[in-house]
Amino acid sequence: MPSRYRFHSVLFAASFCLSLASGIENYALIFYVRDLFGADKTAVGLISAGLDLFYFAGILLFLAWKKPHPRFVAWFAAWSMAACIGLYLAIPNWTVTFIFHCLFGLAMALFWPRIMGWLSWGVEGKDLGRTMGRFNFSWAFGGILAPFLGGFLVEVDPRLPFVVAMALLIVTGLLMPLGSKLFPRLKERQPATPVEEEQVPGVSGPTPLRNPARLGVAGAYFLMGVLLFIFPAYAKESLGFSETLSGSFLLVRLAVATLGFSLWGRWTFWHFRFWPLIAGMTSLLALIVLFPLGTAPWHFYLLFAVVGFVFSFLYSYALFHGVAGSRNRERSTTIHEAVLNVGLFFGTALGGWVSQTWSMTMAFVMVGGGILATLVLQGGLYRFGMAKKL
């Protein structure tokens, strides 16, 4: 890695630590509120939805905030998240836990867009693809380890996962001043972005792919909302699969996605080309058609594995084209986070309603219809964008 990008290793480490910490906290909280407050499934869903809502609100709230330097924001966000955990541990009350878990999500909204934007400062083309690939691998690897570590710690002591999460968040904050000492470039401001005048493969510039790419990741998260939050209950009630078996499907998805992030960061054939996006969306549509036909565990292991790979591509594609050539990287990555959370919210809400009212098959039909409509819209946006450049 060129010397001017060596400090990226600090940001990758911070991304891993924060992803691991937030994953442990989210997983352990399910058992914490159930055992301490007697929370039922509705209450658990409510407190989880509260974090998502505050995270999305925070993304919109901080959209136009350009100062101070991201290293201060990352430090403040990580330690604010640690403080939220410490406060609801110190005051074991349902209302207090709900409020500070929501504020945990608000603080997290400060961290991710700033880190993603910061990593992309002064980086374009192949270097941008590799940098974003390493970043995606860092947070995804933390996400893989979180449920295992969180489950182990819960069995030792219900409060232990939160103590470990707080320690990881404190370390995340400390990485900022430590990194500044090791790599003085960590203190530098965003360099001037090249003027956006022409589009050459591998070179930054105005691309008509930016908005179609964002629609692609929204479509991927629309499906994720159904698979992550609706499918496990369906698998247990209709297919007789245990919670552990359903959880292993999700583990396979994330493991393959993590591998995919590493590969897409190395491959460049998809940069500034429209056809890979259409291929990815078409693959997603085909998978949606196959899901209702699955009956055996191996069917779903295979389907979730392919979903993970396609998801990693659509996420990488959207993040890369969202920031390539952008004059304001933090704003671009904030929009990226907002778009995918909209997809996740509607996938969860509509998927739950449709599956409860009709069937799980109809929920997949709904998602398939949404992906098909997205494909048509992507084509229109791309052609319109190309027409503007001529």
Protein backbone atom coordinates (compact mmCIF):
# COMPACT_ATOMS: atom_id res chain seq x y z
CA MET A 1 0.00 0.00 0.00
CA PRO A 2 1.46 3.45 -0.89
CA SER A 3 2.91 5.32 2.08
CA ARG A 4 0.26 8.03 1.91
CA TYR A 5 -2.41 5.39 2.62
CA ARG A 6 -0.67 3.51 5.46
CA PHE A 7 -2.89 5.19 8.03
CA HIS A 8 -5.83 3.33 6.46
CA SER A 9 -4.84 0.35 8.59
CA VAL A 10 -5.88 2.36 11.66
CA LEU A 11 -9.30 3.03 10.14
CA PHE A 12 -9.72 -0.63 9.14
CA ALA A 13 -8.92 -1.65 12.73
CA ALA A 14 -11.38 0.91 14.07
CA SER A 15 -14.08 -0.37 11.70
CA PHE A 16 -13.49 -3.95 12.81
CA CYS A 17 -13.60 -3.06 16.51
CA LEU A 18 -16.74 -0.98 16.24
CA SER A 19 -18.55 -3.57 14.11
CA LEU A 20 -17.61 -6.28 16.61
CA ALA A 21 -18.67 -4.14 19.58
CA SER A 22 -22.03 -3.11 18.12
CA GLY A 23 -22.73 -6.68 17.01
CA ILE A 24 -22.04 -8.03 20.50
CA GLU A 25 -24.20 -5.32 22.07
CA ASN A 26 -27.14 -5.90 19.73
CA TYR A 27 -27.02 -9.67 20.13
CA ALA A 28 -26.61 -9.70 23.92
CA LEU A 29 -29.34 -7.10 24.43
CA ILE A 30 -31.98 -9.61 23.27
CA PHE A 31 -31.22 -11.85 26.26
CA TYR A 32 -30.49 -8.99 28.63
CA VAL A 33 -33.92 -7.33 28.32
CA ARG A 34 -35.68 -10.69 28.23
CA ASP A 35 -34.09 -12.01 31.42
CA LEU A 36 -33.90 -8.74 33.38
CA PHE A 37 -37.19 -7.08 32.36
CA GLY A 38 -39.21 -10.03 31.08
CA ALA A 39 -39.45 -8.44 27.62
CA ASP A 40 -41.47 -10.39 25.07
CA LYS A 41 -40.80 -10.61 21.31
CA THR A 42 -42.75 -7.44 20.64
CA ALA A 43 -40.70 -5.49 23.18
CA VAL A 44 -37.44 -6.90 21.79
CA GLY A 45 -38.54 -5.89 18.30
CA LEU A 46 -39.48 -2.43 19.57
CA ILE A 47 -36.09 -1.74 21.14
CA SER A 48 -34.30 -3.01 18.00
CA ALA A 49 -36.48 -0.86 15.77
CA GLY A 50 -35.75 2.12 18.02
CA LEU A 51 -32.02 1.83 17.34
CA ASP A 52 -32.61 1.55 13.57
CA LEU A 53 -34.90 4.58 13.60
CA PHE A 54 -32.42 6.72 15.54
CA TYR A 55 -29.57 5.55 13.32
CA PHE A 56 -31.50 6.64 10.22
CA ALA A 57 -32.51 9.92 11.87
CA GLY A 58 -28.88 10.52 12.79
CA ILE A 59 -27.78 9.95 9.21
CA LEU A 60 -30.19 12.64 8.02
CA LEU A 61 -29.37 14.94 10.93
CA PHE A 62 -25.62 14.83 10.32
CA LEU A 63 -25.85 14.94 6.52
CA ALA A 64 -24.72 18.57 6.19
CA TRP A 65 -22.23 18.52 9.09
CA LYS A 66 -18.74 18.99 7.62
CA LYS A 67 -16.72 19.93 10.71
CA PRO A 68 -14.74 18.97 12.75
CA HIS A 69 -12.15 16.56 11.32
CA PRO A 70 -13.39 12.94 11.06
CA ARG A 71 -10.85 11.70 13.61
CA PHE A 72 -12.56 13.79 16.29
CA VAL A 73 -15.99 12.64 15.15
CA ALA A 74 -14.94 8.96 15.18
CA TRP A 75 -13.44 9.33 18.66
CA PHE A 76 -16.56 11.11 19.96
CA ALA A 77 -18.94 8.60 18.36
CA ALA A 78 -17.13 5.53 19.75
CA TRP A 79 -16.90 6.89 23.29
CA SER A 80 -20.50 8.13 23.20
CA MET A 81 -21.60 4.60 22.29
CA ALA A 82 -19.55 3.22 25.20
CA ALA A 83 -21.15 5.79 27.54
CA CYS A 84 -24.65 4.75 26.43
CA ILE A 85 -23.92 1.13 27.33
CA GLY A 86 -22.40 2.13 30.66
CA LEU A 87 -25.42 4.24 31.59
CA TYR A 88 -28.07 1.60 30.98
CA LEU A 89 -25.92 -1.00 32.75
CA ALA A 90 -25.61 1.30 35.75
CA ILE A 91 -29.36 2.00 35.80
CA PRO A 92 -31.17 -1.32 35.16
CA ASN A 93 -34.49 0.12 34.05
CA TRP A 94 -36.46 -0.71 30.89
CA THR A 95 -37.09 2.92 29.92
CA VAL A 96 -33.47 3.91 30.53
CA THR A 97 -32.23 0.93 28.52
CA PHE A 98 -34.58 1.76 25.64
CA ILE A 99 -33.57 5.43 25.53
CA PHE A 100 -29.82 4.85 25.67
CA HIS A 101 -29.94 1.96 23.22
CA CYS A 102 -31.63 4.34 20.77
CA LEU A 103 -28.96 6.99 21.49
CA PHE A 104 -26.38 4.27 20.82
CA GLY A 105 -27.77 4.13 17.28
CA LEU A 106 -27.68 7.91 16.99
CA ALA A 107 -23.97 7.96 17.93
CA MET A 108 -23.26 5.15 15.49
CA ALA A 109 -24.70 7.32 12.69
CA LEU A 110 -21.79 9.69 13.30
CA PHE A 111 -19.19 6.97 12.85
CA TRP A 112 -19.85 4.93 9.70
CA PRO A 113 -20.41 7.66 7.07
CA ARG A 114 -17.39 9.63 8.35
CA ILE A 115 -15.09 6.59 8.29
CA MET A 116 -16.20 5.61 4.77
CA GLY A 117 -15.78 9.14 3.48
CA TRP A 118 -12.42 9.54 5.21
CA LEU A 119 -11.05 6.34 3.69
CA SER A 120 -11.90 7.60 0.21
CA TRP A 121 -10.13 10.97 0.52
CA GLY A 122 -7.82 11.49 -2.46
CA VAL A 123 -8.36 7.91 -3.67
CA GLU A 124 -9.78 7.06 -7.09
CA GLY A 125 -9.97 4.24 -9.62
CA LYS A 126 -8.32 0.94 -8.69
CA ASP A 127 -7.02 2.32 -5.40
CA LEU A 128 -10.55 3.33 -4.42
CA GLY A 129 -11.86 -0.16 -5.20
CA ARG A 130 -9.13 -1.83 -3.15
CA THR A 131 -9.57 0.56 -0.24
CA MET A 132 -13.32 0.08 -0.06
CA GLY A 133 -12.87 -3.68 -0.43
CA ARG A 134 -10.58 -3.78 2.61
CA PHE A 135 -12.99 -1.61 4.57
CA ASN A 136 -15.94 -3.87 3.72
CA PHE A 137 -13.93 -6.92 4.74
CA SER A 138 -13.02 -5.28 8.07
CA TRP A 139 -16.55 -4.53 9.23
CA ALA A 140 -18.00 -7.77 7.82
CA PHE A 141 -15.39 -9.89 9.61
CA GLY A 142 -16.32 -8.17 12.86
CA GLY A 143 -19.95 -8.98 12.10
CA ILE A 144 -19.13 -12.68 11.70
CA LEU A 145 -17.39 -12.92 15.08
CA ALA A 146 -19.94 -10.89 17.06
CA PRO A 147 -22.75 -13.51 17.50
CA PHE A 148 -20.29 -16.24 18.53
CA LEU A 149 -18.44 -14.06 21.00
CA GLY A 150 -21.65 -12.46 22.24
CA GLY A 151 -23.32 -15.84 22.80
CA PHE A 152 -20.31 -17.20 24.68
CA LEU A 153 -20.10 -14.14 26.90
CA VAL A 154 -23.84 -14.20 27.67
CA GLU A 155 -23.50 -17.75 28.97
CA VAL A 156 -20.66 -16.67 31.28
CA ASP A 157 -22.48 -13.59 32.61
CA PRO A 158 -25.38 -11.62 31.04
CA ARG A 159 -23.58 -8.32 31.70
CA LEU A 160 -20.16 -9.41 30.44
CA PRO A 161 -20.87 -8.85 26.70
CA PHE A 162 -21.65 -5.20 27.39
CA VAL A 163 -18.42 -4.73 29.36
CA VAL A 164 -16.46 -6.24 26.46
CA ALA A 165 -18.34 -4.06 23.96
CA MET A 166 -17.53 -0.96 26.03
CA ALA A 167 -13.84 -1.92 26.11
CA LEU A 168 -13.81 -2.38 22.33
CA LEU A 169 -15.45 1.02 21.82
CA ILE A 170 -12.92 2.71 24.11
CA VAL A 171 -10.12 1.08 22.10
CA THR A 172 -11.78 2.31 18.89
CA GLY A 173 -11.70 5.87 20.22
CA LEU A 174 -8.08 5.52 21.35
CA LEU A 175 -7.04 4.42 17.86
CA MET A 176 -7.63 7.97 16.63
CA PRO A 177 -4.97 9.81 18.75
CA LEU A 178 -2.66 6.78 18.55
CA GLY A 179 -2.98 6.70 14.78
CA SER A 180 -2.32 10.44 14.62
CA LYS A 181 0.99 9.89 16.43
CA LEU A 182 2.02 7.01 14.17
CA PHE A 183 0.77 8.52 10.92
CA PRO A 184 0.72 12.35 10.86
CA ARG A 185 -1.27 12.22 7.59
CA LEU A 186 -4.19 11.14 9.76
CA LYS A 187 -4.52 14.80 10.78
CA GLU A 188 -4.67 16.19 7.25
CA ARG A 189 -7.81 17.66 5.78
CA GLN A 190 -9.54 16.33 2.68
CA PRO A 191 -7.48 17.06 -0.44
CA ALA A 192 -9.00 18.81 -3.41
CA THR A 193 -11.05 16.48 -5.59
CA PRO A 194 -10.20 16.45 -9.31
CA VAL A 195 -12.61 18.47 -11.44
CA GLU A 196 -15.35 16.22 -12.74
CA GLU A 197 -15.07 16.69 -16.47
CA GLU A 198 -14.74 13.33 -18.15
CA GLN A 199 -15.49 9.68 -17.57
CA VAL A 200 -12.65 7.25 -18.20
CA PRO A 201 -12.66 3.69 -16.83
CA GLY A 202 -10.57 3.60 -13.68
CA VAL A 203 -10.52 7.40 -13.35
CA SER A 204 -12.85 9.49 -11.24
CA GLY A 205 -15.43 11.64 -12.91
CA PRO A 206 -19.14 12.23 -13.22
CA THR A 207 -20.78 8.86 -13.62
CA PRO A 208 -24.39 8.12 -14.56
CA LEU A 209 -24.03 4.95 -12.46
CA ARG A 210 -24.21 6.67 -9.08
CA ASN A 211 -27.98 6.69 -8.62
CA PRO A 212 -28.64 3.31 -10.31
CA ALA A 213 -25.97 1.85 -8.01
CA ARG A 214 -27.68 3.27 -4.94
CA LEU A 215 -30.98 1.80 -6.08
CA GLY A 216 -29.20 -1.55 -6.39
CA VAL A 217 -28.03 -1.60 -2.79
CA ALA A 218 -31.51 -0.48 -1.66
CA GLY A 219 -32.96 -3.47 -3.51
CA ALA A 220 -30.41 -5.80 -1.89
CA TYR A 221 -31.33 -4.54 1.58
CA PHE A 222 -35.03 -4.79 0.72
CA LEU A 223 -34.44 -8.54 0.36
CA MET A 224 -32.15 -8.59 3.44
CA GLY A 225 -34.99 -7.20 5.56
CA VAL A 226 -37.07 -10.27 4.70
CA LEU A 227 -34.26 -12.79 5.05
CA LEU A 228 -32.81 -11.46 8.31
CA PHE A 229 -35.98 -10.69 10.26
CA ILE A 230 -38.89 -12.59 8.65
CA PHE A 231 -37.41 -15.79 7.22
CA PRO A 232 -36.14 -17.30 10.54
CA ALA A 233 -39.66 -17.35 12.02
CA TYR A 234 -41.05 -18.85 8.79
CA ALA A 235 -38.31 -21.49 8.76
CA LYS A 236 -39.19 -22.57 12.29
CA GLU A 237 -42.99 -22.50 11.98
CA SER A 238 -43.42 -23.85 8.44
CA LEU A 239 -40.27 -25.88 7.73
CA GLY A 240 -39.51 -27.08 11.27
CA PHE A 241 -35.96 -25.69 11.27
CA SER A 242 -34.41 -24.86 14.63
CA GLU A 243 -33.18 -21.39 15.55
CA THR A 244 -29.61 -22.67 15.38
CA LEU A 245 -30.10 -24.02 11.86
CA SER A 246 -31.67 -20.78 10.66
CA GLY A 247 -28.84 -18.85 12.28
CA SER A 248 -26.31 -20.97 10.41
CA PHE A 249 -27.92 -19.89 7.11
CA LEU A 250 -27.31 -16.26 8.04
CA LEU A 251 -23.76 -17.08 9.10
CA VAL A 252 -23.04 -18.64 5.70
CA ARG A 253 -24.46 -15.54 4.00
CA LEU A 254 -22.20 -13.18 5.93
CA ALA A 255 -19.13 -15.42 5.58
CA VAL A 256 -19.51 -15.56 1.79
CA ALA A 257 -20.24 -11.83 1.69
CA THR A 258 -16.99 -11.18 3.61
CA LEU A 259 -15.07 -13.24 1.06
CA GLY A 260 -16.90 -11.38 -1.71
CA PHE A 261 -15.90 -7.99 -0.30
CA SER A 262 -12.26 -9.02 -0.49
CA LEU A 263 -12.60 -10.21 -4.08
CA TRP A 264 -14.54 -7.20 -5.37
CA GLY A 265 -11.88 -4.99 -3.84
CA ARG A 266 -9.27 -6.72 -6.01
CA TRP A 267 -11.26 -7.05 -9.23
CA THR A 268 -11.77 -3.98 -11.37
CA PHE A 269 -13.76 -5.20 -14.39
CA TRP A 270 -16.98 -3.84 -12.85
CA HIS A 271 -15.71 -0.28 -12.39
CA PHE A 272 -17.71 2.29 -14.37
CA ARG A 273 -19.67 -0.36 -16.28
CA PHE A 274 -23.44 -0.73 -16.23
CA TRP A 275 -23.81 -4.36 -17.27
CA PRO A 276 -22.37 -5.82 -14.02
CA LEU A 277 -25.07 -3.96 -12.08
CA ILE A 278 -27.80 -5.42 -14.30
CA ALA A 279 -26.24 -8.88 -13.96
CA GLY A 280 -26.22 -8.53 -10.17
CA MET A 281 -29.83 -7.35 -10.00
CA THR A 282 -30.96 -10.11 -12.36
CA SER A 283 -29.17 -12.69 -10.19
CA LEU A 284 -30.94 -11.29 -7.14
CA LEU A 285 -34.28 -11.62 -8.93
CA ALA A 286 -33.54 -15.25 -9.86
CA LEU A 287 -32.66 -16.08 -6.25
CA ILE A 288 -35.94 -14.59 -5.03
CA VAL A 289 -37.81 -16.91 -7.42
CA LEU A 290 -35.91 -19.93 -6.05
CA PHE A 291 -36.40 -19.23 -2.33
CA PRO A 292 -40.06 -20.35 -2.11
CA LEU A 293 -39.06 -23.65 -3.78
CA GLY A 294 -36.54 -24.53 -1.06
CA THR A 295 -37.46 -27.30 1.37
CA ALA A 296 -34.23 -28.93 2.60
CA PRO A 297 -31.47 -27.27 4.64
CA TRP A 298 -28.90 -27.70 1.84
CA HIS A 299 -31.19 -25.72 -0.47
CA PHE A 300 -31.02 -22.75 1.85
CA TYR A 301 -27.30 -23.07 2.55
CA LEU A 302 -26.72 -22.76 -1.19
CA LEU A 303 -29.24 -19.94 -1.64
CA PHE A 304 -27.91 -17.90 1.29
CA ALA A 305 -24.34 -18.41 0.07
CA VAL A 306 -25.16 -17.05 -3.39
CA VAL A 307 -27.21 -14.22 -1.85
CA GLY A 308 -24.16 -13.28 0.24
CA PHE A 309 -21.95 -13.11 -2.84
CA VAL A 310 -24.45 -11.06 -4.88
CA PHE A 311 -25.08 -8.79 -1.90
CA SER A 312 -21.35 -8.14 -1.48
CA PHE A 313 -21.18 -7.08 -5.11
CA LEU A 314 -24.17 -4.72 -5.01
CA TYR A 315 -22.91 -3.14 -1.79
CA SER A 316 -19.38 -2.72 -3.19
CA TYR A 317 -20.74 -1.38 -6.48
CA ALA A 318 -22.90 1.22 -4.73
CA LEU A 319 -20.19 2.35 -2.33
CA PHE A 320 -17.56 2.64 -5.08
CA HIS A 321 -19.71 4.55 -7.58
CA GLY A 322 -21.25 6.61 -4.80
CA VAL A 323 -17.93 8.18 -3.84
CA ALA A 324 -15.94 8.01 -7.11
CA GLY A 325 -15.41 11.57 -8.28
CA SER A 326 -17.46 13.02 -5.42
CA ARG A 327 -16.48 16.46 -4.12
CA ASN A 328 -17.91 15.71 -0.66
CA ARG A 329 -17.09 12.15 0.35
CA GLU A 330 -18.79 12.26 3.76
CA ARG A 331 -22.03 13.45 2.17
CA SER A 332 -21.86 10.69 -0.45
CA THR A 333 -21.28 7.94 2.10
CA THR A 334 -24.03 9.35 4.32
CA ILE A 335 -26.48 9.11 1.42
CA HIS A 336 -25.25 5.54 0.84
CA GLU A 337 -26.07 4.61 4.45
CA ALA A 338 -29.45 6.36 4.30
CA VAL A 339 -30.49 4.56 1.10
CA LEU A 340 -29.64 1.08 2.34
CA ASN A 341 -31.46 1.70 5.63
CA VAL A 342 -34.58 2.73 3.72
CA GLY A 343 -34.42 -0.57 1.83
CA LEU A 344 -33.92 -2.52 5.05
CA PHE A 345 -36.80 -0.77 6.82
CA PHE A 346 -39.33 -1.38 4.04
CA GLY A 347 -38.16 -4.95 3.55
CA THR A 348 -38.69 -5.68 7.23
CA ALA A 349 -41.99 -3.80 7.61
CA LEU A 350 -43.65 -4.86 4.34
CA GLY A 351 -42.20 -8.36 4.46
CA GLY A 352 -43.60 -8.96 7.93
CA TRP A 353 -47.01 -7.58 7.01
CA VAL A 354 -47.31 -9.51 3.73
CA SER A 355 -46.12 -12.80 5.22
CA GLN A 356 -48.48 -12.43 8.18
CA THR A 357 -51.47 -11.42 6.02
CA TRP A 358 -50.91 -13.85 3.15
CA SER A 359 -47.84 -16.09 3.08
CA MET A 360 -44.05 -16.14 2.91
CA THR A 361 -44.30 -16.92 -0.79
CA MET A 362 -46.25 -13.70 -1.32
CA ALA A 363 -43.55 -11.84 0.61
CA PHE A 364 -40.96 -13.09 -1.88
CA VAL A 365 -43.30 -12.16 -4.75
CA MET A 366 -43.49 -8.65 -3.28
CA VAL A 367 -39.70 -8.41 -3.08
CA GLY A 368 -39.36 -9.78 -6.62
CA GLY A 369 -41.79 -7.16 -7.89
CA GLY A 370 -39.79 -4.47 -6.13
CA ILE A 371 -36.51 -5.69 -7.65
CA LEU A 372 -38.07 -5.83 -11.13
CA ALA A 373 -39.38 -2.28 -10.78
CA THR A 374 -35.94 -1.20 -9.58
CA LEU A 375 -34.32 -2.74 -12.66
CA VAL A 376 -36.59 -0.73 -14.93
CA LEU A 377 -35.90 2.46 -12.97
CA GLN A 378 -32.15 1.82 -13.04
CA GLY A 379 -32.22 1.51 -16.81
CA GLY A 380 -34.12 4.78 -17.12
CA LEU A 381 -31.78 6.65 -14.78
CA TYR A 382 -28.70 5.34 -16.57
CA ARG A 383 -29.99 6.33 -20.02
CA PHE A 384 -31.00 9.75 -18.70
CA GLY A 385 -27.59 10.18 -17.11
CA MET A 386 -25.82 9.19 -20.32
CA ALA A 387 -28.01 11.59 -22.32
CA LYS A 388 -27.00 14.46 -20.04
CA LYS A 389 -23.33 13.74 -20.75
CA LEU A 390 -23.73 13.87 -24.52
